[in-house]
Amino acid sequence: MLEVRNEKYIDFARAKGVSDRALVWKHIFRNALIPLIPVITSEAFLLIGGSVLVETVFGINGIGYLFFQAAIQGDLPLVGTLMYIFILITVGINLVQDMLYTIIDPRVGLEGA
């Protein structure tokens, strides 16, 4: 946020008389969030993959542990089903990421797609 605060369009908005509250929420915060969205969604993907490792190492009964046990035992229908669930979660996170982009930055609209 500190980098965005020193941009020229912030000075321009301040010169136009935009209040400090509107300046922070409408200009600084929104533009600071744009590069963070891909980072947050990629961390969500790592959490899905990491759940398999953490649940296996610590013996926690969860979907990651179930996936590992099914793979070890050769239960291919269960492995396929869990892979399908992981893929649906990944696609859902990507859809949320695209929607957040359009909410935060209206210039990235749906027209022309």
N, C-alpha and C. Protein backbone atom coordinates (compact mmCIF):
# COMPACT_ATOMS: atom_id res chain seq x y z
N MET A 1 0.82 -1.18 0.00
CA MET A 1 0.00 0.00 0.00
C MET A 1 0.86 1.25 0.00
N LEU A 2 2.06 1.15 0.57
CA LEU A 2 2.92 2.33 0.61
C LEU A 2 3.40 2.73 -0.78
N GLU A 3 3.63 1.73 -1.64
CA GLU A 3 4.05 2.04 -3.00
C GLU A 3 2.92 2.72 -3.77
N VAL A 4 1.71 2.23 -3.61
CA VAL A 4 0.56 2.80 -4.32
C VAL A 4 0.28 4.21 -3.82
N ARG A 5 0.53 4.45 -2.54
CA ARG A 5 0.24 5.76 -1.95
C ARG A 5 1.08 6.87 -2.58
N ASN A 6 2.23 6.54 -3.13
CA ASN A 6 3.12 7.54 -3.72
C ASN A 6 2.93 7.71 -5.23
N GLU A 7 1.91 7.09 -5.80
CA GLU A 7 1.66 7.21 -7.24
C GLU A 7 1.07 8.58 -7.57
N LYS A 8 1.20 8.95 -8.84
CA LYS A 8 0.74 10.27 -9.28
C LYS A 8 -0.78 10.39 -9.26
N TYR A 9 -1.50 9.31 -9.57
CA TYR A 9 -2.96 9.41 -9.59
C TYR A 9 -3.52 9.63 -8.18
N ILE A 10 -2.79 9.23 -7.15
CA ILE A 10 -3.21 9.51 -5.78
C ILE A 10 -3.08 11.01 -5.50
N ASP A 11 -1.97 11.59 -5.95
CA ASP A 11 -1.80 13.04 -5.80
C ASP A 11 -2.88 13.79 -6.57
N PHE A 12 -3.23 13.29 -7.76
CA PHE A 12 -4.26 13.93 -8.57
C PHE A 12 -5.62 13.85 -7.87
N ALA A 13 -5.94 12.68 -7.31
CA ALA A 13 -7.22 12.52 -6.61
C ALA A 13 -7.26 13.42 -5.37
N ARG A 14 -6.13 13.53 -4.69
CA ARG A 14 -6.08 14.40 -3.51
C ARG A 14 -6.27 15.86 -3.92
N ALA A 15 -5.70 16.24 -5.08
CA ALA A 15 -5.85 17.61 -5.57
C ALA A 15 -7.29 17.90 -5.99
N LYS A 16 -8.01 16.86 -6.44
CA LYS A 16 -9.41 17.03 -6.81
C LYS A 16 -10.31 17.20 -5.59
N GLY A 17 -9.78 16.91 -4.40
CA GLY A 17 -10.57 17.10 -3.19
C GLY A 17 -11.22 15.84 -2.66
N VAL A 18 -10.74 14.68 -3.08
CA VAL A 18 -11.29 13.43 -2.58
C VAL A 18 -10.92 13.29 -1.11
N SER A 19 -11.88 12.87 -0.29
CA SER A 19 -11.62 12.73 1.15
C SER A 19 -10.60 11.63 1.39
N ASP A 20 -9.96 11.69 2.54
CA ASP A 20 -8.93 10.69 2.86
C ASP A 20 -9.51 9.28 2.92
N ARG A 21 -10.70 9.15 3.45
CA ARG A 21 -11.32 7.83 3.55
C ARG A 21 -11.61 7.25 2.16
N ALA A 22 -12.19 8.06 1.28
CA ALA A 22 -12.46 7.61 -0.08
C ALA A 22 -11.17 7.35 -0.83
N LEU A 23 -10.17 8.14 -0.56
CA LEU A 23 -8.87 7.97 -1.21
C LEU A 23 -8.27 6.61 -0.85
N VAL A 24 -8.34 6.26 0.42
CA VAL A 24 -7.78 4.98 0.85
C VAL A 24 -8.57 3.82 0.28
N TRP A 25 -9.90 3.85 0.39
CA TRP A 25 -10.70 2.69 -0.02
C TRP A 25 -10.87 2.58 -1.52
N LYS A 26 -11.08 3.68 -2.21
CA LYS A 26 -11.38 3.61 -3.64
C LYS A 26 -10.14 3.62 -4.52
N HIS A 27 -9.06 4.18 -4.05
CA HIS A 27 -7.89 4.31 -4.90
C HIS A 27 -6.71 3.47 -4.40
N ILE A 28 -6.32 3.68 -3.18
CA ILE A 28 -5.11 3.01 -2.68
C ILE A 28 -5.35 1.52 -2.44
N PHE A 29 -6.40 1.19 -1.68
CA PHE A 29 -6.64 -0.20 -1.29
C PHE A 29 -6.95 -1.07 -2.50
N ARG A 30 -7.80 -0.59 -3.40
CA ARG A 30 -8.15 -1.38 -4.57
C ARG A 30 -6.94 -1.67 -5.45
N ASN A 31 -6.12 -0.66 -5.69
CA ASN A 31 -4.97 -0.87 -6.55
C ASN A 31 -3.87 -1.67 -5.86
N ALA A 32 -3.84 -1.67 -4.55
CA ALA A 32 -2.87 -2.49 -3.83
C ALA A 32 -3.29 -3.96 -3.82
N LEU A 33 -4.59 -4.24 -3.95
CA LEU A 33 -5.07 -5.62 -3.94
C LEU A 33 -4.84 -6.35 -5.26
N ILE A 34 -4.72 -5.64 -6.35
CA ILE A 34 -4.63 -6.28 -7.66
C ILE A 34 -3.49 -7.29 -7.75
N PRO A 35 -2.26 -6.95 -7.35
CA PRO A 35 -1.21 -7.97 -7.44
C PRO A 35 -1.29 -9.06 -6.37
N LEU A 36 -2.10 -8.86 -5.34
CA LEU A 36 -2.21 -9.86 -4.28
C LEU A 36 -3.17 -11.00 -4.60
N ILE A 37 -4.10 -10.79 -5.51
CA ILE A 37 -5.10 -11.81 -5.81
C ILE A 37 -4.46 -13.10 -6.34
N PRO A 38 -3.56 -13.05 -7.32
CA PRO A 38 -2.94 -14.31 -7.76
C PRO A 38 -2.11 -14.99 -6.66
N VAL A 39 -1.50 -14.21 -5.80
CA VAL A 39 -0.71 -14.79 -4.71
C VAL A 39 -1.61 -15.54 -3.74
N ILE A 40 -2.74 -14.95 -3.40
CA ILE A 40 -3.66 -15.59 -2.46
C ILE A 40 -4.24 -16.87 -3.05
N THR A 41 -4.62 -16.84 -4.33
CA THR A 41 -5.19 -18.04 -4.94
C THR A 41 -4.15 -19.13 -5.11
N SER A 42 -2.91 -18.77 -5.41
CA SER A 42 -1.88 -19.81 -5.52
C SER A 42 -1.59 -20.43 -4.15
N GLU A 43 -1.70 -19.64 -3.10
CA GLU A 43 -1.54 -20.19 -1.75
C GLU A 43 -2.68 -21.17 -1.44
N ALA A 44 -3.87 -20.90 -1.94
CA ALA A 44 -4.99 -21.81 -1.72
C ALA A 44 -4.73 -23.15 -2.41
N PHE A 45 -4.11 -23.12 -3.60
CA PHE A 45 -3.76 -24.36 -4.29
C PHE A 45 -2.72 -25.14 -3.49
N LEU A 46 -1.76 -24.43 -2.91
CA LEU A 46 -0.74 -25.10 -2.09
C LEU A 46 -1.35 -25.70 -0.82
N LEU A 47 -2.37 -25.05 -0.28
CA LEU A 47 -3.04 -25.61 0.90
C LEU A 47 -3.74 -26.92 0.57
N ILE A 48 -4.32 -27.02 -0.62
CA ILE A 48 -4.97 -28.26 -1.02
C ILE A 48 -3.94 -29.38 -1.14
N GLY A 49 -2.84 -29.09 -1.82
CA GLY A 49 -1.79 -30.10 -1.96
C GLY A 49 -1.10 -30.40 -0.64
N GLY A 50 -0.93 -29.39 0.18
CA GLY A 50 -0.28 -29.58 1.47
C GLY A 50 -1.11 -30.35 2.46
N SER A 51 -2.42 -30.36 2.25
CA SER A 51 -3.28 -31.11 3.17
C SER A 51 -2.97 -32.60 3.10
N VAL A 52 -2.64 -33.08 1.92
CA VAL A 52 -2.29 -34.50 1.77
C VAL A 52 -1.05 -34.80 2.59
N LEU A 53 -0.04 -33.96 2.47
CA LEU A 53 1.22 -34.18 3.19
C LEU A 53 1.04 -34.06 4.70
N VAL A 54 0.40 -33.00 5.15
CA VAL A 54 0.25 -32.75 6.59
C VAL A 54 -0.61 -33.83 7.24
N GLU A 55 -1.71 -34.18 6.61
CA GLU A 55 -2.60 -35.19 7.20
C GLU A 55 -1.95 -36.56 7.22
N THR A 56 -1.11 -36.85 6.23
CA THR A 56 -0.42 -38.14 6.21
C THR A 56 0.66 -38.19 7.28
N VAL A 57 1.45 -37.15 7.40
CA VAL A 57 2.55 -37.13 8.37
C VAL A 57 2.02 -37.20 9.80
N PHE A 58 0.98 -36.43 10.10
CA PHE A 58 0.48 -36.36 11.46
C PHE A 58 -0.68 -37.31 11.74
N GLY A 59 -1.10 -38.09 10.75
CA GLY A 59 -2.15 -39.08 10.96
C GLY A 59 -3.51 -38.48 11.23
N ILE A 60 -3.77 -37.31 10.67
CA ILE A 60 -5.06 -36.65 10.85
C ILE A 60 -6.04 -37.22 9.82
N ASN A 61 -7.21 -37.61 10.27
CA ASN A 61 -8.20 -38.12 9.34
C ASN A 61 -8.87 -36.97 8.61
N GLY A 62 -8.61 -36.87 7.33
CA GLY A 62 -9.18 -35.82 6.51
C GLY A 62 -9.18 -36.27 5.06
N ILE A 63 -9.54 -35.37 4.18
CA ILE A 63 -9.63 -35.73 2.76
C ILE A 63 -8.24 -35.99 2.16
N GLY A 64 -7.21 -35.31 2.66
CA GLY A 64 -5.86 -35.57 2.18
C GLY A 64 -5.36 -36.94 2.59
N TYR A 65 -5.62 -37.32 3.82
CA TYR A 65 -5.24 -38.64 4.31
C TYR A 65 -6.01 -39.72 3.57
N LEU A 66 -7.28 -39.48 3.33
CA LEU A 66 -8.10 -40.43 2.58
C LEU A 66 -7.55 -40.62 1.18
N PHE A 67 -7.14 -39.51 0.55
CA PHE A 67 -6.55 -39.59 -0.79
C PHE A 67 -5.27 -40.41 -0.77
N PHE A 68 -4.41 -40.18 0.20
CA PHE A 68 -3.15 -40.92 0.30
C PHE A 68 -3.40 -42.41 0.51
N GLN A 69 -4.30 -42.75 1.42
CA GLN A 69 -4.59 -44.16 1.69
C GLN A 69 -5.21 -44.84 0.47
N ALA A 70 -6.07 -44.14 -0.24
CA ALA A 70 -6.67 -44.72 -1.44
C ALA A 70 -5.61 -44.95 -2.51
N ALA A 71 -4.65 -44.05 -2.64
CA ALA A 71 -3.58 -44.22 -3.63
C ALA A 71 -2.68 -45.38 -3.24
N ILE A 72 -2.36 -45.53 -1.97
CA ILE A 72 -1.51 -46.63 -1.51
C ILE A 72 -2.20 -47.98 -1.72
N GLN A 73 -3.49 -48.04 -1.43
CA GLN A 73 -4.22 -49.30 -1.53
C GLN A 73 -4.69 -49.60 -2.96
N GLY A 74 -4.51 -48.67 -3.87
CA GLY A 74 -4.90 -48.90 -5.26
C GLY A 74 -6.39 -48.75 -5.51
N ASP A 75 -7.07 -47.99 -4.71
CA ASP A 75 -8.51 -47.77 -4.88
C ASP A 75 -8.70 -46.67 -5.92
N LEU A 76 -8.65 -47.06 -7.19
CA LEU A 76 -8.68 -46.08 -8.28
C LEU A 76 -9.98 -45.29 -8.39
N PRO A 77 -11.15 -45.89 -8.15
CA PRO A 77 -12.36 -45.06 -8.19
C PRO A 77 -12.36 -43.94 -7.15
N LEU A 78 -11.88 -44.24 -5.94
CA LEU A 78 -11.82 -43.20 -4.91
C LEU A 78 -10.76 -42.16 -5.24
N VAL A 79 -9.62 -42.59 -5.77
CA VAL A 79 -8.58 -41.63 -6.17
C VAL A 79 -9.11 -40.72 -7.27
N GLY A 80 -9.80 -41.30 -8.24
CA GLY A 80 -10.38 -40.50 -9.32
C GLY A 80 -11.42 -39.52 -8.82
N THR A 81 -12.25 -39.96 -7.89
CA THR A 81 -13.28 -39.08 -7.32
C THR A 81 -12.65 -37.93 -6.55
N LEU A 82 -11.64 -38.24 -5.75
CA LEU A 82 -10.98 -37.18 -4.98
C LEU A 82 -10.22 -36.22 -5.89
N MET A 83 -9.62 -36.74 -6.95
CA MET A 83 -8.97 -35.85 -7.93
C MET A 83 -10.00 -34.93 -8.57
N TYR A 84 -11.17 -35.47 -8.88
CA TYR A 84 -12.25 -34.67 -9.45
C TYR A 84 -12.67 -33.56 -8.48
N ILE A 85 -12.76 -33.90 -7.19
CA ILE A 85 -13.12 -32.89 -6.19
C ILE A 85 -12.04 -31.82 -6.10
N PHE A 86 -10.75 -32.23 -6.09
CA PHE A 86 -9.66 -31.25 -6.04
C PHE A 86 -9.68 -30.35 -7.27
N ILE A 87 -9.99 -30.92 -8.42
CA ILE A 87 -10.05 -30.12 -9.66
C ILE A 87 -11.22 -29.14 -9.59
N LEU A 88 -12.37 -29.58 -9.08
CA LEU A 88 -13.51 -28.67 -8.93
C LEU A 88 -13.19 -27.52 -7.98
N ILE A 89 -12.47 -27.82 -6.90
CA ILE A 89 -12.06 -26.76 -5.97
C ILE A 89 -11.13 -25.79 -6.67
N THR A 90 -10.20 -26.31 -7.47
CA THR A 90 -9.26 -25.46 -8.19
C THR A 90 -9.98 -24.56 -9.20
N VAL A 91 -10.91 -25.12 -9.93
CA VAL A 91 -11.68 -24.33 -10.90
C VAL A 91 -12.52 -23.29 -10.16
N GLY A 92 -13.11 -23.66 -9.03
CA GLY A 92 -13.88 -22.71 -8.24
C GLY A 92 -13.03 -21.56 -7.73
N ILE A 93 -11.82 -21.86 -7.30
CA ILE A 93 -10.92 -20.80 -6.84
C ILE A 93 -10.54 -19.88 -8.00
N ASN A 94 -10.33 -20.46 -9.19
CA ASN A 94 -10.04 -19.63 -10.36
C ASN A 94 -11.21 -18.73 -10.72
N LEU A 95 -12.43 -19.24 -10.60
CA LEU A 95 -13.61 -18.41 -10.88
C LEU A 95 -13.73 -17.27 -9.87
N VAL A 96 -13.47 -17.57 -8.61
CA VAL A 96 -13.50 -16.52 -7.58
C VAL A 96 -12.43 -15.48 -7.87
N GLN A 97 -11.26 -15.93 -8.31
CA GLN A 97 -10.18 -15.00 -8.65
C GLN A 97 -10.61 -14.07 -9.78
N ASP A 98 -11.22 -14.61 -10.82
CA ASP A 98 -11.67 -13.77 -11.93
C ASP A 98 -12.75 -12.79 -11.48
N MET A 99 -13.66 -13.24 -10.62
CA MET A 99 -14.70 -12.33 -10.13
C MET A 99 -14.11 -11.23 -9.26
N LEU A 100 -13.13 -11.57 -8.44
CA LEU A 100 -12.48 -10.55 -7.62
C LEU A 100 -11.76 -9.52 -8.48
N TYR A 101 -11.17 -9.97 -9.58
CA TYR A 101 -10.52 -9.02 -10.48
C TYR A 101 -11.52 -8.01 -11.02
N THR A 102 -12.70 -8.48 -11.44
CA THR A 102 -13.68 -7.56 -12.00
C THR A 102 -14.30 -6.66 -10.93
N ILE A 103 -14.39 -7.14 -9.69
CA ILE A 103 -14.92 -6.30 -8.62
C ILE A 103 -13.91 -5.23 -8.23
N ILE A 104 -12.66 -5.62 -8.08
CA ILE A 104 -11.64 -4.68 -7.63
C ILE A 104 -11.25 -3.70 -8.72
N ASP A 105 -11.10 -4.19 -9.94
CA ASP A 105 -10.70 -3.32 -11.05
C ASP A 105 -11.74 -3.42 -12.16
N PRO A 106 -12.70 -2.50 -12.23
CA PRO A 106 -13.77 -2.58 -13.23
C PRO A 106 -13.26 -2.48 -14.66
N ARG A 107 -12.03 -2.02 -14.87
CA ARG A 107 -11.48 -1.96 -16.22
C ARG A 107 -11.29 -3.35 -16.81
N VAL A 108 -11.17 -4.35 -15.95
CA VAL A 108 -11.03 -5.73 -16.40
C VAL A 108 -12.43 -6.30 -16.46
N GLY A 109 -13.18 -5.91 -17.46
CA GLY A 109 -14.58 -6.31 -17.55
C GLY A 109 -14.77 -7.56 -18.38
N LEU A 110 -16.01 -7.92 -18.58
CA LEU A 110 -16.35 -9.11 -19.34
C LEU A 110 -16.48 -8.85 -20.83
N GLU A 111 -16.59 -7.60 -21.23
CA GLU A 111 -16.76 -7.31 -22.64
C GLU A 111 -15.45 -7.60 -23.38
N GLY A 112 -15.60 -8.12 -24.59
CA GLY A 112 -14.44 -8.46 -25.40
C GLY A 112 -13.90 -9.85 -25.10
N ALA A 113 -14.58 -10.58 -24.24
CA ALA A 113 -14.08 -11.92 -23.90
C ALA A 113 -14.61 -12.95 -24.86
